[in-house]
Amino acid sequence: MKKIFLAVLLIFFIYNSFAQKGAAPTAKQIQEFDAYVEKASKDWQVPGLAIAVVKDGNVIFKKGFGVSG
């Protein structure tokens, strides 16, 4: 249940950060998003996750967080 809640929070944050009318994410927004995901991952004890943001068929953000396999 915690993981689903975290996913919903992340989707909401991504939408608010990157879904601005045609605006590409700024370096500051990306840094803030990275910090948010890192903190949320630690708080919720998520070992690793991958996030991709696709807008109009183009990947505008992709990153892996935490540990892999």
PDB file of N, CA and C in Angstrom:
ATOM      1  N   MET A   1       0.830  -1.194   0.000  1.00  0.00           N
ATOM      2  CA  MET A   1       0.000   0.000   0.000  1.00  0.00           C
ATOM      3  C   MET A   1       0.873   1.256   0.000  1.00  0.00           C
ATOM      4  N   LYS A   2       1.975   1.222   0.781  1.00  0.00           N
ATOM      5  CA  LYS A   2       2.856   2.389   0.829  1.00  0.00           C
ATOM      6  C   LYS A   2       3.461   2.678  -0.540  1.00  0.00           C
ATOM      7  N   LYS A   3       3.796   1.627  -1.274  1.00  0.00           N
ATOM      8  CA  LYS A   3       4.413   1.819  -2.586  1.00  0.00           C
ATOM      9  C   LYS A   3       3.428   2.433  -3.568  1.00  0.00           C
ATOM     10  N   ILE A   4       2.168   2.034  -3.486  1.00  0.00           N
ATOM     11  CA  ILE A   4       1.151   2.617  -4.363  1.00  0.00           C
ATOM     12  C   ILE A   4       0.972   4.087  -4.030  1.00  0.00           C
ATOM     13  N   PHE A   5       0.924   4.413  -2.747  1.00  0.00           N
ATOM     14  CA  PHE A   5       0.786   5.804  -2.330  1.00  0.00           C
ATOM     15  C   PHE A   5       1.979   6.628  -2.808  1.00  0.00           C
ATOM     16  N   LEU A   6       3.177   6.091  -2.686  1.00  0.00           N
ATOM     17  CA  LEU A   6       4.374   6.783  -3.159  1.00  0.00           C
ATOM     18  C   LEU A   6       4.293   7.008  -4.664  1.00  0.00           C
ATOM     19  N   ALA A   7       3.851   6.013  -5.394  1.00  0.00           N
ATOM     20  CA  ALA A   7       3.730   6.155  -6.850  1.00  0.00           C
ATOM     21  C   ALA A   7       2.745   7.257  -7.210  1.00  0.00           C
ATOM     22  N   VAL A   8       1.625   7.319  -6.513  1.00  0.00           N
ATOM     23  CA  VAL A   8       0.638   8.366  -6.779  1.00  0.00           C
ATOM     24  C   VAL A   8       1.224   9.740  -6.462  1.00  0.00           C
ATOM     25  N   LEU A   9       1.942   9.854  -5.364  1.00  0.00           N
ATOM     26  CA  LEU A   9       2.577  11.136  -5.026  1.00  0.00           C
ATOM     27  C   LEU A   9       3.591  11.546  -6.088  1.00  0.00           C
ATOM     28  N   LEU A  10       4.379  10.601  -6.548  1.00  0.00           N
ATOM     29  CA  LEU A  10       5.376  10.900  -7.574  1.00  0.00           C
ATOM     30  C   LEU A  10       4.718  11.334  -8.873  1.00  0.00           C
ATOM     31  N   ILE A  11       3.669  10.649  -9.274  1.00  0.00           N
ATOM     32  CA  ILE A  11       2.971  11.023 -10.502  1.00  0.00           C
ATOM     33  C   ILE A  11       2.396  12.425 -10.376  1.00  0.00           C
ATOM     34  N   PHE A  12       1.807  12.730  -9.234  1.00  0.00           N
ATOM     35  CA  PHE A  12       1.266  14.069  -9.010  1.00  0.00           C
ATOM     36  C   PHE A  12       2.367  15.122  -9.088  1.00  0.00           C
ATOM     37  N   PHE A  13       3.499  14.843  -8.456  1.00  0.00           N
ATOM     38  CA  PHE A  13       4.613  15.790  -8.471  1.00  0.00           C
ATOM     39  C   PHE A  13       5.157  15.964  -9.881  1.00  0.00           C
ATOM     40  N   ILE A  14       5.302  14.870 -10.598  1.00  0.00           N
ATOM     41  CA  ILE A  14       5.791  14.939 -11.982  1.00  0.00           C
ATOM     42  C   ILE A  14       4.845  15.779 -12.826  1.00  0.00           C
ATOM     43  N   TYR A  15       3.556  15.520 -12.687  1.00  0.00           N
ATOM     44  CA  TYR A  15       2.574  16.253 -13.477  1.00  0.00           C
ATOM     45  C   TYR A  15       2.661  17.744 -13.189  1.00  0.00           C
ATOM     46  N   ASN A  16       2.732  18.110 -11.928  1.00  0.00           N
ATOM     47  CA  ASN A  16       2.802  19.526 -11.567  1.00  0.00           C
ATOM     48  C   ASN A  16       4.117  20.169 -11.990  1.00  0.00           C
ATOM     49  N   SER A  17       5.192  19.424 -11.973  1.00  0.00           N
ATOM     50  CA  SER A  17       6.497  19.984 -12.301  1.00  0.00           C
ATOM     51  C   SER A  17       6.731  20.131 -13.789  1.00  0.00           C
ATOM     52  N   PHE A  18       6.312  19.136 -14.570  1.00  0.00           N
ATOM     53  CA  PHE A  18       6.688  19.092 -15.974  1.00  0.00           C
ATOM     54  C   PHE A  18       5.539  19.328 -16.942  1.00  0.00           C
ATOM     55  N   ALA A  19       4.319  19.375 -16.479  1.00  0.00           N
ATOM     56  CA  ALA A  19       3.189  19.476 -17.395  1.00  0.00           C
ATOM     57  C   ALA A  19       2.790  20.927 -17.658  1.00  0.00           C
ATOM     58  N   GLN A  20       3.696  21.828 -17.491  1.00  0.00           N
ATOM     59  CA  GLN A  20       3.401  23.217 -17.782  1.00  0.00           C
ATOM     60  C   GLN A  20       3.242  23.373 -19.281  1.00  0.00           C
ATOM     61  N   LYS A  21       2.476  24.316 -19.687  1.00  0.00           N
ATOM     62  CA  LYS A  21       2.121  24.504 -21.089  1.00  0.00           C
ATOM     63  C   LYS A  21       3.342  24.616 -21.987  1.00  0.00           C
ATOM     64  N   GLY A  22       3.789  23.506 -22.507  1.00  0.00           N
ATOM     65  CA  GLY A  22       4.867  23.483 -23.475  1.00  0.00           C
ATOM     66  C   GLY A  22       6.249  23.794 -22.928  1.00  0.00           C
ATOM     67  N   ALA A  23       6.382  24.021 -21.644  1.00  0.00           N
ATOM     68  CA  ALA A  23       7.675  24.388 -21.077  1.00  0.00           C
ATOM     69  C   ALA A  23       8.505  23.144 -20.775  1.00  0.00           C
ATOM     70  N   ALA A  24       9.753  23.174 -21.191  1.00  0.00           N
ATOM     71  CA  ALA A  24      10.682  22.096 -20.837  1.00  0.00           C
ATOM     72  C   ALA A  24      11.092  22.285 -19.385  1.00  0.00           C
ATOM     73  N   PRO A  25      11.387  21.199 -18.686  1.00  0.00           N
ATOM     74  CA  PRO A  25      11.794  21.333 -17.286  1.00  0.00           C
ATOM     75  C   PRO A  25      13.116  22.100 -17.181  1.00  0.00           C
ATOM     76  N   THR A  26      13.193  22.963 -16.191  1.00  0.00           N
ATOM     77  CA  THR A  26      14.428  23.712 -15.955  1.00  0.00           C
ATOM     78  C   THR A  26      15.380  22.872 -15.117  1.00  0.00           C
ATOM     79  N   ALA A  27      16.633  23.278 -15.091  1.00  0.00           N
ATOM     80  CA  ALA A  27      17.627  22.570 -14.275  1.00  0.00           C
ATOM     81  C   ALA A  27      17.216  22.588 -12.808  1.00  0.00           C
ATOM     82  N   LYS A  28      16.658  23.701 -12.350  1.00  0.00           N
ATOM     83  CA  LYS A  28      16.230  23.813 -10.954  1.00  0.00           C
ATOM     84  C   LYS A  28      15.088  22.830 -10.668  1.00  0.00           C
ATOM     85  N   GLN A  29      14.121  22.723 -11.590  1.00  0.00           N
ATOM     86  CA  GLN A  29      13.017  21.785 -11.396  1.00  0.00           C
ATOM     87  C   GLN A  29      13.523  20.349 -11.334  1.00  0.00           C
ATOM     88  N   ILE A  30      14.476  20.032 -12.179  1.00  0.00           N
ATOM     89  CA  ILE A  30      15.029  18.666 -12.183  1.00  0.00           C
ATOM     90  C   ILE A  30      15.761  18.391 -10.878  1.00  0.00           C
ATOM     91  N   GLN A  31      16.534  19.352 -10.384  1.00  0.00           N
ATOM     92  CA  GLN A  31      17.239  19.172  -9.104  1.00  0.00           C
ATOM     93  C   GLN A  31      16.250  18.993  -7.964  1.00  0.00           C
ATOM     94  N   GLU A  32      15.186  19.809  -7.954  1.00  0.00           N
ATOM     95  CA  GLU A  32      14.174  19.701  -6.905  1.00  0.00           C
ATOM     96  C   GLU A  32      13.470  18.346  -6.973  1.00  0.00           C
ATOM     97  N   PHE A  33      13.185  17.895  -8.185  1.00  0.00           N
ATOM     98  CA  PHE A  33      12.531  16.606  -8.363  1.00  0.00           C
ATOM     99  C   PHE A  33      13.434  15.474  -7.891  1.00  0.00           C
ATOM    100  N   ASP A  34      14.717  15.531  -8.258  1.00  0.00           N
ATOM    101  CA  ASP A  34      15.683  14.522  -7.803  1.00  0.00           C
ATOM    102  C   ASP A  34      15.716  14.456  -6.281  1.00  0.00           C
ATOM    103  N   ALA A  35      15.792  15.611  -5.642  1.00  0.00           N
ATOM    104  CA  ALA A  35      15.837  15.666  -4.174  1.00  0.00           C
ATOM    105  C   ALA A  35      14.561  15.088  -3.573  1.00  0.00           C
ATOM    106  N   TYR A  36      13.419  15.421  -4.169  1.00  0.00           N
ATOM    107  CA  TYR A  36      12.136  14.914  -3.686  1.00  0.00           C
ATOM    108  C   TYR A  36      12.077  13.391  -3.775  1.00  0.00           C
ATOM    109  N   VAL A  37      12.478  12.844  -4.910  1.00  0.00           N
ATOM    110  CA  VAL A  37      12.430  11.390  -5.100  1.00  0.00           C
ATOM    111  C   VAL A  37      13.391  10.694  -4.149  1.00  0.00           C
ATOM    112  N   GLU A  38      14.597  11.232  -4.003  1.00  0.00           N
ATOM    113  CA  GLU A  38      15.575  10.633  -3.080  1.00  0.00           C
ATOM    114  C   GLU A  38      15.024  10.598  -1.658  1.00  0.00           C
ATOM    115  N   LYS A  39      14.440  11.707  -1.203  1.00  0.00           N
ATOM    116  CA  LYS A  39      13.894  11.771   0.151  1.00  0.00           C
ATOM    117  C   LYS A  39      12.713  10.808   0.301  1.00  0.00           C
ATOM    118  N   ALA A  40      11.807  10.818  -0.670  1.00  0.00           N
ATOM    119  CA  ALA A  40      10.643   9.932  -0.609  1.00  0.00           C
ATOM    120  C   ALA A  40      11.075   8.469  -0.611  1.00  0.00           C
ATOM    121  N   SER A  41      12.070   8.133  -1.411  1.00  0.00           N
ATOM    122  CA  SER A  41      12.562   6.751  -1.459  1.00  0.00           C
ATOM    123  C   SER A  41      13.112   6.319  -0.113  1.00  0.00           C
ATOM    124  N   LYS A  42      13.872   7.199   0.529  1.00  0.00           N
ATOM    125  CA  LYS A  42      14.418   6.864   1.853  1.00  0.00           C
ATOM    126  C   LYS A  42      13.314   6.770   2.887  1.00  0.00           C
ATOM    127  N   ASP A  43      12.388   7.750   2.890  1.00  0.00           N
ATOM    128  CA  ASP A  43      11.297   7.759   3.862  1.00  0.00           C
ATOM    129  C   ASP A  43      10.422   6.513   3.752  1.00  0.00           C
ATOM    130  N   TRP A  44      10.169   6.059   2.525  1.00  0.00           N
ATOM    131  CA  TRP A  44       9.290   4.924   2.289  1.00  0.00           C
ATOM    132  C   TRP A  44      10.055   3.614   2.150  1.00  0.00           C
ATOM    133  N   GLN A  45      11.378   3.667   2.322  1.00  0.00           N
ATOM    134  CA  GLN A  45      12.249   2.492   2.257  1.00  0.00           C
ATOM    135  C   GLN A  45      12.085   1.728   0.932  1.00  0.00           C
ATOM    136  N   VAL A  46      12.102   2.483  -0.157  1.00  0.00           N
ATOM    137  CA  VAL A  46      12.026   1.899  -1.497  1.00  0.00           C
ATOM    138  C   VAL A  46      13.462   1.679  -1.965  1.00  0.00           C
ATOM    139  N   PRO A  47      13.856   0.448  -2.268  1.00  0.00           N
ATOM    140  CA  PRO A  47      15.249   0.191  -2.628  1.00  0.00           C
ATOM    141  C   PRO A  47      15.667   0.784  -3.965  1.00  0.00           C
ATOM    142  N   GLY A  48      14.749   0.894  -4.896  1.00  0.00           N
ATOM    143  CA  GLY A  48      15.100   1.450  -6.202  1.00  0.00           C
ATOM    144  C   GLY A  48      13.868   1.656  -7.054  1.00  0.00           C
ATOM    145  N   LEU A  49      13.960   2.600  -7.977  1.00  0.00           N
ATOM    146  CA  LEU A  49      12.860   2.836  -8.890  1.00  0.00           C
ATOM    147  C   LEU A  49      13.373   3.569 -10.124  1.00  0.00           C
ATOM    148  N   ALA A  50      12.598   3.500 -11.180  1.00  0.00           N
ATOM    149  CA  ALA A  50      12.939   4.202 -12.410  1.00  0.00           C
ATOM    150  C   ALA A  50      11.747   5.060 -12.799  1.00  0.00           C
ATOM    151  N   ILE A  51      12.035   6.255 -13.280  1.00  0.00           N
ATOM    152  CA  ILE A  51      10.985   7.187 -13.665  1.00  0.00           C
ATOM    153  C   ILE A  51      11.287   7.717 -15.054  1.00  0.00           C
ATOM    154  N   ALA A  52      10.262   7.764 -15.882  1.00  0.00           N
ATOM    155  CA  ALA A  52      10.373   8.378 -17.208  1.00  0.00           C
ATOM    156  C   ALA A  52       9.165   9.279 -17.399  1.00  0.00           C
ATOM    157  N   VAL A  53       9.401  10.459 -17.938  1.00  0.00           N
ATOM    158  CA  VAL A  53       8.322  11.388 -18.247  1.00  0.00           C
ATOM    159  C   VAL A  53       8.301  11.542 -19.766  1.00  0.00           C
ATOM    160  N   VAL A  54       7.150  11.241 -20.352  1.00  0.00           N
ATOM    161  CA  VAL A  54       6.997  11.315 -21.806  1.00  0.00           C
ATOM    162  C   VAL A  54       5.940  12.366 -22.114  1.00  0.00           C
ATOM    163  N   LYS A  55       6.299  13.291 -22.994  1.00  0.00           N
ATOM    164  CA  LYS A  55       5.365  14.344 -23.383  1.00  0.00           C
ATOM    165  C   LYS A  55       5.339  14.401 -24.898  1.00  0.00           C
ATOM    166  N   ASP A  56       4.148  14.310 -25.463  1.00  0.00           N
ATOM    167  CA  ASP A  56       3.969  14.341 -26.916  1.00  0.00           C
ATOM    168  C   ASP A  56       4.850  13.318 -27.623  1.00  0.00           C
ATOM    169  N   GLY A  57       5.005  12.146 -27.024  1.00  0.00           N
ATOM    170  CA  GLY A  57       5.781  11.078 -27.627  1.00  0.00           C
ATOM    171  C   GLY A  57       7.284  11.206 -27.460  1.00  0.00           C
ATOM    172  N   ASN A  58       7.744  12.220 -26.747  1.00  0.00           N
ATOM    173  CA  ASN A  58       9.180  12.425 -26.526  1.00  0.00           C
ATOM    174  C   ASN A  58       9.508  12.264 -25.049  1.00  0.00           C
ATOM    175  N   VAL A  59      10.588  11.560 -24.759  1.00  0.00           N
ATOM    176  CA  VAL A  59      11.037  11.415 -23.381  1.00  0.00           C
ATOM    177  C   VAL A  59      11.717  12.724 -22.985  1.00  0.00           C
ATOM    178  N   ILE A  60      11.157  13.391 -21.964  1.00  0.00           N
ATOM    179  CA  ILE A  60      11.757  14.653 -21.523  1.00  0.00           C
ATOM    180  C   ILE A  60      12.536  14.487 -20.224  1.00  0.00           C
ATOM    181  N   PHE A  61      12.346  13.340 -19.558  1.00  0.00           N
ATOM    182  CA  PHE A  61      13.091  13.060 -18.328  1.00  0.00           C
ATOM    183  C   PHE A  61      13.129  11.559 -18.137  1.00  0.00           C
ATOM    184  N   LYS A  62      14.291  11.037 -17.778  1.00  0.00           N
ATOM    185  CA  LYS A  62      14.406   9.628 -17.404  1.00  0.00           C
ATOM    186  C   LYS A  62      15.560   9.478 -16.437  1.00  0.00           C
ATOM    187  N   LYS A  63      15.335   8.679 -15.407  1.00  0.00           N
ATOM    188  CA  LYS A  63      16.394   8.477 -14.417  1.00  0.00           C
ATOM    189  C   LYS A  63      16.045   7.282 -13.539  1.00  0.00           C
ATOM    190  N   GLY A  64      17.077   6.588 -13.101  1.00  0.00           N
ATOM    191  CA  GLY A  64      16.930   5.521 -12.136  1.00  0.00           C
ATOM    192  C   GLY A  64      17.407   6.020 -10.775  1.00  0.00           C
ATOM    193  N   PHE A  65      16.737   5.581  -9.741  1.00  0.00           N
ATOM    194  CA  PHE A  65      17.069   5.992  -8.375  1.00  0.00           C
ATOM    195  C   PHE A  65      17.301   4.757  -7.526  1.00  0.00           C
ATOM    196  N   GLY A  66      18.224   4.832  -6.585  1.00  0.00           N
ATOM    197  CA  GLY A  66      18.429   3.734  -5.645  1.00  0.00           C
ATOM    198  C   GLY A  66      19.355   2.664  -6.195  1.00  0.00           C
ATOM    199  N   VAL A  67      19.078   1.434  -5.751  1.00  0.00           N
ATOM    200  CA  VAL A  67      19.929   0.300  -6.107  1.00  0.00           C
ATOM    201  C   VAL A  67      19.243  -0.567  -7.151  1.00  0.00           C
ATOM    202  N   SER A  68      20.047  -1.173  -7.986  1.00  0.00           N
ATOM    203  CA  SER A  68      19.486  -2.109  -8.966  1.00  0.00           C
ATOM    204  C   SER A  68      19.896  -3.530  -8.595  1.00  0.00           C
ATOM    205  N   GLY A  69      19.029  -4.468  -8.985  1.00  0.00           N
ATOM    206  CA  GLY A  69      19.209  -5.895  -8.822  1.00  0.00           C
ATOM    207  C   GLY A  69      20.210  -6.300  -7.886  1.00  0.00           C
TER     208      GLY A  69
END
